[in-house]
């Protein structure tokens, strides 16, 4: 029996070389990011000027201030989009796992209740957005 404070490297059954591909990927990703930033600063153009520092608005000169207020409806649409996006993210793994459960298993009923509760909360969010007029585009 090994002492709990023994390191993984000193245990004979643990192969640290299994982590080598992960370390290579992490070092490669960090190296790529750092190289891009450094090389952009070194060889990239760095001209400055009045036109270069001006905001670019799809080929048009900017008019007015950037502190304009937006209708809250835009934010509500974004929230409804996020609700349905998160629903799909959680629904897909459930849909692939649920058919493999044994119907006689009591956990199958719990899984079914959880997804119905999740879908119910999603419907409540949709009805809330609908009643607030989020989907009325004037």
C-alpha atoms as a PDB file:
ATOM      1  CA  UNK A   1       0.000   0.000   0.000  1.00  0.00           C
ATOM      2  CA  UNK A   2       1.401   3.330  -1.041  1.00  0.00           C
ATOM      3  CA  UNK A   3       1.348   6.352   1.202  1.00  0.00           C
ATOM      4  CA  UNK A   4      -1.294   8.952   0.133  1.00  0.00           C
ATOM      5  CA  UNK A   5       1.370  11.634  -0.261  1.00  0.00           C
ATOM      6  CA  UNK A   6       3.303   9.589  -2.811  1.00  0.00           C
ATOM      7  CA  UNK A   7       3.500  11.349  -6.151  1.00  0.00           C
ATOM      8  CA  UNK A   8       2.084   9.896  -9.343  1.00  0.00           C
ATOM      9  CA  UNK A   9       5.537   9.773 -10.911  1.00  0.00           C
ATOM     10  CA  UNK A  10       6.850   7.452  -8.197  1.00  0.00           C
ATOM     11  CA  UNK A  11       4.021   4.929  -8.649  1.00  0.00           C
ATOM     12  CA  UNK A  12       5.093   2.150 -11.003  1.00  0.00           C
ATOM     13  CA  UNK A  13       1.613   1.527 -12.491  1.00  0.00           C
ATOM     14  CA  UNK A  14       0.960   5.102 -13.661  1.00  0.00           C
ATOM     15  CA  UNK A  15       2.180   5.838 -17.172  1.00  0.00           C
ATOM     16  CA  UNK A  16       2.798   9.562 -17.483  1.00  0.00           C
ATOM     17  CA  UNK A  17       3.597   9.166 -21.159  1.00  0.00           C
ATOM     18  CA  UNK A  18      -0.169   8.929 -21.752  1.00  0.00           C
ATOM     19  CA  UNK A  19      -0.312  12.661 -21.066  1.00  0.00           C
ATOM     20  CA  UNK A  20       2.372  13.487 -23.635  1.00  0.00           C
ATOM     21  CA  UNK A  21      -0.080  14.097 -26.563  1.00  0.00           C
ATOM     22  CA  UNK A  22      -2.118  16.465 -24.387  1.00  0.00           C
ATOM     23  CA  UNK A  23       1.021  18.340 -23.363  1.00  0.00           C
ATOM     24  CA  UNK A  24       2.094  18.627 -27.013  1.00  0.00           C
ATOM     25  CA  UNK A  25      -1.304  20.052 -28.003  1.00  0.00           C
ATOM     26  CA  UNK A  26      -1.294  22.584 -25.144  1.00  0.00           C
ATOM     27  CA  UNK A  27       2.290  23.691 -25.875  1.00  0.00           C
ATOM     28  CA  UNK A  28       1.471  23.932 -29.596  1.00  0.00           C
ATOM     29  CA  UNK A  29      -1.670  26.011 -28.996  1.00  0.00           C
ATOM     30  CA  UNK A  30       0.043  28.408 -26.602  1.00  0.00           C
ATOM     31  CA  UNK A  31       3.072  28.653 -28.888  1.00  0.00           C
ATOM     32  CA  UNK A  32       0.872  29.374 -31.909  1.00  0.00           C
ATOM     33  CA  UNK A  33      -0.984  32.145 -30.059  1.00  0.00           C
ATOM     34  CA  UNK A  34       2.187  33.759 -28.748  1.00  0.00           C
ATOM     35  CA  UNK A  35       3.907  33.492 -32.155  1.00  0.00           C
ATOM     36  CA  UNK A  36       0.949  35.175 -33.887  1.00  0.00           C
ATOM     37  CA  UNK A  37       0.917  38.086 -31.459  1.00  0.00           C
ATOM     38  CA  UNK A  38       4.692  38.579 -31.487  1.00  0.00           C
ATOM     39  CA  UNK A  39       5.046  38.243 -35.268  1.00  0.00           C
ATOM     40  CA  UNK A  40       2.173  40.660 -35.864  1.00  0.00           C
ATOM     41  CA  UNK A  41       3.910  43.278 -33.715  1.00  0.00           C
ATOM     42  CA  UNK A  42       7.277  42.660 -35.411  1.00  0.00           C
ATOM     43  CA  UNK A  43       6.405  42.374 -39.129  1.00  0.00           C
ATOM     44  CA  UNK A  44       2.883  43.805 -39.289  1.00  0.00           C
ATOM     45  CA  UNK A  45       2.140  47.312 -40.579  1.00  0.00           C
ATOM     46  CA  UNK A  46       1.900  49.931 -37.876  1.00  0.00           C
ATOM     47  CA  UNK A  47       0.899  53.146 -39.604  1.00  0.00           C
ATOM     48  CA  UNK A  48      -0.974  55.680 -37.549  1.00  0.00           C
ATOM     49  CA  UNK A  49      -3.128  58.583 -38.632  1.00  0.00           C
ATOM     50  CA  UNK A  50      -6.482  60.325 -38.366  1.00  0.00           C
ATOM     51  CA  UNK A  51      -8.197  58.082 -40.923  1.00  0.00           C
ATOM     52  CA  UNK A  52      -6.549  54.932 -39.566  1.00  0.00           C
ATOM     53  CA  UNK A  53      -7.856  55.555 -36.040  1.00  0.00           C
ATOM     54  CA  UNK A  54     -11.408  56.401 -37.163  1.00  0.00           C
ATOM     55  CA  UNK A  55     -14.233  53.908 -36.648  1.00  0.00           C
ATOM     56  CA  UNK A  56     -15.198  51.916 -39.731  1.00  0.00           C
ATOM     57  CA  UNK A  57     -18.942  51.571 -40.236  1.00  0.00           C
ATOM     58  CA  UNK A  58     -19.383  49.377 -43.318  1.00  0.00           C
ATOM     59  CA  UNK A  59     -17.805  51.920 -45.650  1.00  0.00           C
ATOM     60  CA  UNK A  60     -19.765  54.873 -44.265  1.00  0.00           C
ATOM     61  CA  UNK A  61     -18.439  57.725 -42.191  1.00  0.00           C
ATOM     62  CA  UNK A  62     -19.699  57.378 -38.606  1.00  0.00           C
ATOM     63  CA  UNK A  63     -22.585  59.707 -37.791  1.00  0.00           C
ATOM     64  CA  UNK A  64     -23.675  60.546 -34.275  1.00  0.00           C
ATOM     65  CA  UNK A  65     -22.555  59.187 -30.959  1.00  0.00           C
ATOM     66  CA  UNK A  66     -21.888  55.602 -29.970  1.00  0.00           C
ATOM     67  CA  UNK A  67     -23.896  56.128 -26.769  1.00  0.00           C
ATOM     68  CA  UNK A  68     -27.249  55.565 -28.465  1.00  0.00           C
ATOM     69  CA  UNK A  69     -29.846  53.626 -26.500  1.00  0.00           C
ATOM     70  CA  UNK A  70     -31.241  50.419 -27.937  1.00  0.00           C
ATOM     71  CA  UNK A  71     -34.665  48.986 -27.373  1.00  0.00           C
ATOM     72  CA  UNK A  72     -34.678  46.325 -24.664  1.00  0.00           C
ATOM     73  CA  UNK A  73     -36.302  43.992 -27.213  1.00  0.00           C
ATOM     74  CA  UNK A  74     -32.875  43.331 -28.757  1.00  0.00           C
ATOM     75  CA  UNK A  75     -31.585  42.015 -25.450  1.00  0.00           C
ATOM     76  CA  UNK A  76     -34.698  39.909 -24.894  1.00  0.00           C
ATOM     77  CA  UNK A  77     -34.259  38.329 -28.329  1.00  0.00           C
ATOM     78  CA  UNK A  78     -30.666  37.513 -27.403  1.00  0.00           C
ATOM     79  CA  UNK A  79     -31.810  35.930 -24.139  1.00  0.00           C
ATOM     80  CA  UNK A  80     -34.466  33.831 -25.878  1.00  0.00           C
ATOM     81  CA  UNK A  81     -31.854  32.704 -28.397  1.00  0.00           C
ATOM     82  CA  UNK A  82     -29.557  31.669 -25.548  1.00  0.00           C
ATOM     83  CA  UNK A  83     -32.375  29.747 -23.852  1.00  0.00           C
ATOM     84  CA  UNK A  84     -33.041  27.701 -26.983  1.00  0.00           C
ATOM     85  CA  UNK A  85     -29.347  27.304 -27.706  1.00  0.00           C
ATOM     86  CA  UNK A  86     -28.685  25.915 -24.229  1.00  0.00           C
ATOM     87  CA  UNK A  87     -31.742  23.691 -24.590  1.00  0.00           C
ATOM     88  CA  UNK A  88     -30.282  22.037 -27.682  1.00  0.00           C
ATOM     89  CA  UNK A  89     -26.913  21.624 -25.988  1.00  0.00           C
ATOM     90  CA  UNK A  90     -28.534  19.733 -23.108  1.00  0.00           C
ATOM     91  CA  UNK A  91     -31.188  17.947 -25.141  1.00  0.00           C
ATOM     92  CA  UNK A  92     -28.817  16.229 -27.571  1.00  0.00           C
ATOM     93  CA  UNK A  93     -26.833  14.196 -24.988  1.00  0.00           C
ATOM     94  CA  UNK A  94     -30.058  13.279 -23.221  1.00  0.00           C
ATOM     95  CA  UNK A  95     -31.628  12.102 -26.477  1.00  0.00           C
ATOM     96  CA  UNK A  96     -28.643   9.887 -27.240  1.00  0.00           C
ATOM     97  CA  UNK A  97     -28.499   8.401 -23.721  1.00  0.00           C
ATOM     98  CA  UNK A  98     -32.176   7.928 -22.840  1.00  0.00           C
ATOM     99  CA  UNK A  99     -33.019   5.188 -25.395  1.00  0.00           C
ATOM    100  CA  UNK A 100     -30.248   3.016 -23.919  1.00  0.00           C
ATOM    101  CA  UNK A 101     -31.806   2.995 -20.433  1.00  0.00           C
ATOM    102  CA  UNK A 102     -33.727  -0.041 -19.301  1.00  0.00           C
ATOM    103  CA  UNK A 103     -37.449   0.851 -18.989  1.00  0.00           C
ATOM    104  CA  UNK A 104     -37.702  -1.216 -15.799  1.00  0.00           C
ATOM    105  CA  UNK A 105     -34.926   0.803 -14.182  1.00  0.00           C
ATOM    106  CA  UNK A 106     -36.275   3.478 -11.801  1.00  0.00           C
ATOM    107  CA  UNK A 107     -33.617   5.898 -13.079  1.00  0.00           C
ATOM    108  CA  UNK A 108     -35.391   6.001 -16.451  1.00  0.00           C
ATOM    109  CA  UNK A 109     -38.383   7.735 -14.845  1.00  0.00           C
ATOM    110  CA  UNK A 110     -36.107  10.245 -13.153  1.00  0.00           C
ATOM    111  CA  UNK A 111     -34.366  11.001 -16.472  1.00  0.00           C
ATOM    112  CA  UNK A 112     -37.733  11.462 -18.166  1.00  0.00           C
ATOM    113  CA  UNK A 113     -38.981  13.779 -15.387  1.00  0.00           C
ATOM    114  CA  UNK A 114     -35.814  15.875 -15.585  1.00  0.00           C
ATOM    115  CA  UNK A 115     -36.109  16.446 -19.309  1.00  0.00           C
ATOM    116  CA  UNK A 116     -39.815  17.273 -19.050  1.00  0.00           C
ATOM    117  CA  UNK A 117     -38.997  19.797 -16.313  1.00  0.00           C
ATOM    118  CA  UNK A 118     -36.248  21.264 -18.484  1.00  0.00           C
ATOM    119  CA  UNK A 119     -38.577  21.536 -21.488  1.00  0.00           C
ATOM    120  CA  UNK A 120     -41.250  23.089 -19.255  1.00  0.00           C
ATOM    121  CA  UNK A 121     -38.860  25.824 -18.112  1.00  0.00           C
ATOM    122  CA  UNK A 122     -37.922  26.460 -21.741  1.00  0.00           C
ATOM    123  CA  UNK A 123     -41.582  26.820 -22.693  1.00  0.00           C
ATOM    124  CA  UNK A 124     -42.081  29.224 -19.792  1.00  0.00           C
ATOM    125  CA  UNK A 125     -39.188  31.342 -21.113  1.00  0.00           C
ATOM    126  CA  UNK A 126     -40.722  31.316 -24.604  1.00  0.00           C
ATOM    127  CA  UNK A 127     -44.172  32.319 -23.298  1.00  0.00           C
ATOM    128  CA  UNK A 128     -42.563  35.087 -21.219  1.00  0.00           C
ATOM    129  CA  UNK A 129     -40.834  36.463 -24.301  1.00  0.00           C
ATOM    130  CA  UNK A 130     -43.999  36.166 -26.364  1.00  0.00           C
ATOM    131  CA  UNK A 131     -46.085  38.032 -23.764  1.00  0.00           C
ATOM    132  CA  UNK A 132     -43.451  40.761 -23.509  1.00  0.00           C
ATOM    133  CA  UNK A 133     -43.734  41.275 -27.271  1.00  0.00           C
ATOM    134  CA  UNK A 134     -40.232  40.132 -28.101  1.00  0.00           C
ATOM    135  CA  UNK A 135     -41.348  38.498 -31.338  1.00  0.00           C
ATOM    136  CA  UNK A 136     -43.289  41.520 -32.628  1.00  0.00           C
ATOM    137  CA  UNK A 137     -41.035  43.145 -35.208  1.00  0.00           C
ATOM    138  CA  UNK A 138     -42.396  46.584 -36.076  1.00  0.00           C
END
